[in-house]
């Protein structure tokens, strides 16, 4: 699966939120300043070429919908992030957040509960 550009990811975020949509619907849901309709149309066609989106034709109009779920793309992106920046170590990623992001006590307690629950399930 290819990596998305920032503009492509922005369009995918809208499609994941709206579901099947026409270009005009995608454009209307984008934050200001909005790109030109031709730009969004081009991005959607590129996403279709990359296999992220497919369409249904309604005469000359096309309704687009995601072929790749947000969860699938997010999972792949996180795995790539861990591999490329944290030496394939989830522990190194967690350490990054613990050391640099200075999680508050509530967030740390929630993480500990999650770790204990996950450990119990294995």
C-alpha atoms as a PDB file:
ATOM      1  CA  UNK A   1       0.000   0.000   0.000  1.00  0.00           C
ATOM      2  CA  UNK A   2       1.385   3.374  -1.008  1.00  0.00           C
ATOM      3  CA  UNK A   3       1.795   6.303   1.334  1.00  0.00           C
ATOM      4  CA  UNK A   4      -0.620   9.182   0.870  1.00  0.00           C
ATOM      5  CA  UNK A   5       0.408  12.785   0.349  1.00  0.00           C
ATOM      6  CA  UNK A   6      -0.969  15.393   2.759  1.00  0.00           C
ATOM      7  CA  UNK A   7      -3.618  16.472   0.217  1.00  0.00           C
ATOM      8  CA  UNK A   8      -4.599  12.867  -0.533  1.00  0.00           C
ATOM      9  CA  UNK A   9      -4.885  12.087   3.156  1.00  0.00           C
ATOM     10  CA  UNK A  10      -7.081  15.147   3.673  1.00  0.00           C
ATOM     11  CA  UNK A  11      -9.480  13.911   0.970  1.00  0.00           C
ATOM     12  CA  UNK A  12      -9.441  10.388   2.431  1.00  0.00           C
ATOM     13  CA  UNK A  13     -10.272  11.767   5.890  1.00  0.00           C
ATOM     14  CA  UNK A  14     -13.367  13.400   4.390  1.00  0.00           C
ATOM     15  CA  UNK A  15     -14.364  10.212   2.540  1.00  0.00           C
ATOM     16  CA  UNK A  16     -13.892   8.117   5.679  1.00  0.00           C
ATOM     17  CA  UNK A  17     -16.115  10.558   7.559  1.00  0.00           C
ATOM     18  CA  UNK A  18     -18.832  11.025   4.906  1.00  0.00           C
ATOM     19  CA  UNK A  19     -18.821   7.664   3.172  1.00  0.00           C
ATOM     20  CA  UNK A  20     -19.812   7.550  -0.509  1.00  0.00           C
ATOM     21  CA  UNK A  21     -19.620  11.111  -1.852  1.00  0.00           C
ATOM     22  CA  UNK A  22     -19.513  13.206  -4.983  1.00  0.00           C
ATOM     23  CA  UNK A  23     -16.588  15.602  -5.478  1.00  0.00           C
ATOM     24  CA  UNK A  24     -18.838  18.556  -4.584  1.00  0.00           C
ATOM     25  CA  UNK A  25     -19.679  16.866  -1.245  1.00  0.00           C
ATOM     26  CA  UNK A  26     -16.012  16.229  -0.503  1.00  0.00           C
ATOM     27  CA  UNK A  27     -15.179  19.842  -1.300  1.00  0.00           C
ATOM     28  CA  UNK A  28     -17.996  21.164   0.900  1.00  0.00           C
ATOM     29  CA  UNK A  29     -16.733  19.122   3.871  1.00  0.00           C
ATOM     30  CA  UNK A  30     -13.147  20.350   3.590  1.00  0.00           C
ATOM     31  CA  UNK A  31     -11.892  23.101   5.883  1.00  0.00           C
ATOM     32  CA  UNK A  32     -11.204  26.593   4.557  1.00  0.00           C
ATOM     33  CA  UNK A  33      -9.351  27.600   2.552  1.00  0.00           C
ATOM     34  CA  UNK A  34     -10.813  25.010   0.221  1.00  0.00           C
ATOM     35  CA  UNK A  35      -8.950  23.911  -2.893  1.00  0.00           C
ATOM     36  CA  UNK A  36     -10.480  24.284  -6.340  1.00  0.00           C
ATOM     37  CA  UNK A  37     -12.999  21.662  -7.428  1.00  0.00           C
ATOM     38  CA  UNK A  38     -10.595  20.604 -10.197  1.00  0.00           C
ATOM     39  CA  UNK A  39      -7.896  19.985  -7.601  1.00  0.00           C
ATOM     40  CA  UNK A  40     -10.162  17.756  -5.506  1.00  0.00           C
ATOM     41  CA  UNK A  41     -11.288  15.934  -8.647  1.00  0.00           C
ATOM     42  CA  UNK A  42      -7.668  15.298  -9.629  1.00  0.00           C
ATOM     43  CA  UNK A  43      -6.779  14.067  -6.130  1.00  0.00           C
ATOM     44  CA  UNK A  44      -9.734  11.666  -6.125  1.00  0.00           C
ATOM     45  CA  UNK A  45      -8.669  10.236  -9.492  1.00  0.00           C
ATOM     46  CA  UNK A  46      -5.109   9.779  -8.197  1.00  0.00           C
ATOM     47  CA  UNK A  47      -6.498   8.016  -5.111  1.00  0.00           C
ATOM     48  CA  UNK A  48      -8.466   5.746  -7.414  1.00  0.00           C
ATOM     49  CA  UNK A  49      -5.319   4.947  -9.433  1.00  0.00           C
ATOM     50  CA  UNK A  50      -3.506   4.120  -6.185  1.00  0.00           C
ATOM     51  CA  UNK A  51      -6.326   1.786  -5.155  1.00  0.00           C
ATOM     52  CA  UNK A  52      -7.600   3.768  -2.176  1.00  0.00           C
ATOM     53  CA  UNK A  53     -10.889   4.830  -3.774  1.00  0.00           C
ATOM     54  CA  UNK A  54     -13.365   3.441  -6.283  1.00  0.00           C
ATOM     55  CA  UNK A  55     -16.430   4.957  -7.891  1.00  0.00           C
ATOM     56  CA  UNK A  56     -19.930   4.337  -9.116  1.00  0.00           C
ATOM     57  CA  UNK A  57     -20.974   6.165 -12.272  1.00  0.00           C
ATOM     58  CA  UNK A  58     -24.237   8.082 -12.434  1.00  0.00           C
ATOM     59  CA  UNK A  59     -24.282   9.370 -15.989  1.00  0.00           C
ATOM     60  CA  UNK A  60     -21.385  11.795 -16.168  1.00  0.00           C
ATOM     61  CA  UNK A  61     -21.101  12.064 -12.383  1.00  0.00           C
ATOM     62  CA  UNK A  62     -19.115   9.748 -10.145  1.00  0.00           C
ATOM     63  CA  UNK A  63     -19.730   8.897  -6.522  1.00  0.00           C
ATOM     64  CA  UNK A  64     -16.524   7.890  -4.768  1.00  0.00           C
ATOM     65  CA  UNK A  65     -16.060   5.651  -1.751  1.00  0.00           C
ATOM     66  CA  UNK A  66     -13.030   4.328   0.141  1.00  0.00           C
ATOM     67  CA  UNK A  67     -11.611   0.925  -0.765  1.00  0.00           C
ATOM     68  CA  UNK A  68      -9.213   1.091   2.189  1.00  0.00           C
ATOM     69  CA  UNK A  69     -10.627   1.601   5.674  1.00  0.00           C
ATOM     70  CA  UNK A  70      -9.320   4.268   8.003  1.00  0.00           C
ATOM     71  CA  UNK A  71      -8.343   1.538  10.491  1.00  0.00           C
ATOM     72  CA  UNK A  72      -6.354  -0.386   7.862  1.00  0.00           C
ATOM     73  CA  UNK A  73      -4.493   2.721   6.705  1.00  0.00           C
ATOM     74  CA  UNK A  74      -3.903   3.869  10.293  1.00  0.00           C
ATOM     75  CA  UNK A  75      -2.543   0.463  11.297  1.00  0.00           C
ATOM     76  CA  UNK A  76      -0.166   0.441   8.344  1.00  0.00           C
ATOM     77  CA  UNK A  77       0.952   4.016   9.045  1.00  0.00           C
ATOM     78  CA  UNK A  78       1.683   3.328  12.708  1.00  0.00           C
ATOM     79  CA  UNK A  79       3.613   0.160  11.860  1.00  0.00           C
ATOM     80  CA  UNK A  80       5.685   2.122   9.325  1.00  0.00           C
ATOM     81  CA  UNK A  81       6.299   4.902  11.865  1.00  0.00           C
ATOM     82  CA  UNK A  82       7.486   2.375  14.472  1.00  0.00           C
ATOM     83  CA  UNK A  83       9.716   0.648  11.918  1.00  0.00           C
ATOM     84  CA  UNK A  84      11.213   3.800  10.384  1.00  0.00           C
ATOM     85  CA  UNK A  85      11.646   5.977  13.485  1.00  0.00           C
ATOM     86  CA  UNK A  86      11.727   3.620  16.471  1.00  0.00           C
ATOM     87  CA  UNK A  87      13.760   0.666  15.215  1.00  0.00           C
ATOM     88  CA  UNK A  88      10.675  -1.574  14.944  1.00  0.00           C
ATOM     89  CA  UNK A  89      10.276  -1.291  18.712  1.00  0.00           C
ATOM     90  CA  UNK A  90       6.828  -0.410  20.106  1.00  0.00           C
ATOM     91  CA  UNK A  91       8.605  -0.005  23.456  1.00  0.00           C
ATOM     92  CA  UNK A  92      10.743   2.785  21.964  1.00  0.00           C
ATOM     93  CA  UNK A  93       7.595   4.518  20.706  1.00  0.00           C
ATOM     94  CA  UNK A  94       5.960   4.305  24.127  1.00  0.00           C
ATOM     95  CA  UNK A  95       9.174   5.553  25.758  1.00  0.00           C
ATOM     96  CA  UNK A  96       9.119   8.540  23.410  1.00  0.00           C
ATOM     97  CA  UNK A  97       5.674   9.539  24.644  1.00  0.00           C
ATOM     98  CA  UNK A  98       6.521   8.854  28.263  1.00  0.00           C
ATOM     99  CA  UNK A  99       9.743  10.876  28.208  1.00  0.00           C
ATOM    100  CA  UNK A 100       9.055  13.708  25.777  1.00  0.00           C
ATOM    101  CA  UNK A 101       5.345  14.253  25.828  1.00  0.00           C
ATOM    102  CA  UNK A 102       5.111  14.234  29.607  1.00  0.00           C
ATOM    103  CA  UNK A 103       1.802  12.426  29.911  1.00  0.00           C
ATOM    104  CA  UNK A 104      -0.308  13.486  32.861  1.00  0.00           C
ATOM    105  CA  UNK A 105      -1.126  11.134  35.749  1.00  0.00           C
ATOM    106  CA  UNK A 106      -4.562  10.235  34.366  1.00  0.00           C
ATOM    107  CA  UNK A 107      -3.113   9.244  30.978  1.00  0.00           C
ATOM    108  CA  UNK A 108      -0.392   7.188  32.667  1.00  0.00           C
ATOM    109  CA  UNK A 109      -2.993   5.371  34.786  1.00  0.00           C
ATOM    110  CA  UNK A 110      -5.040   4.614  31.656  1.00  0.00           C
ATOM    111  CA  UNK A 111      -1.935   3.252  29.913  1.00  0.00           C
ATOM    112  CA  UNK A 112      -1.087   1.046  32.887  1.00  0.00           C
ATOM    113  CA  UNK A 113      -4.638  -0.346  32.942  1.00  0.00           C
ATOM    114  CA  UNK A 114      -4.439  -1.055  29.203  1.00  0.00           C
ATOM    115  CA  UNK A 115      -1.067  -2.780  29.594  1.00  0.00           C
ATOM    116  CA  UNK A 116      -2.350  -4.934  32.463  1.00  0.00           C
ATOM    117  CA  UNK A 117      -5.524  -5.845  30.555  1.00  0.00           C
ATOM    118  CA  UNK A 118      -3.532  -6.732  27.436  1.00  0.00           C
ATOM    119  CA  UNK A 119      -1.056  -8.782  29.466  1.00  0.00           C
ATOM    120  CA  UNK A 120      -3.934 -10.667  31.131  1.00  0.00           C
ATOM    121  CA  UNK A 121      -5.494 -11.489  27.711  1.00  0.00           C
ATOM    122  CA  UNK A 122      -2.290 -13.030  26.337  1.00  0.00           C
END
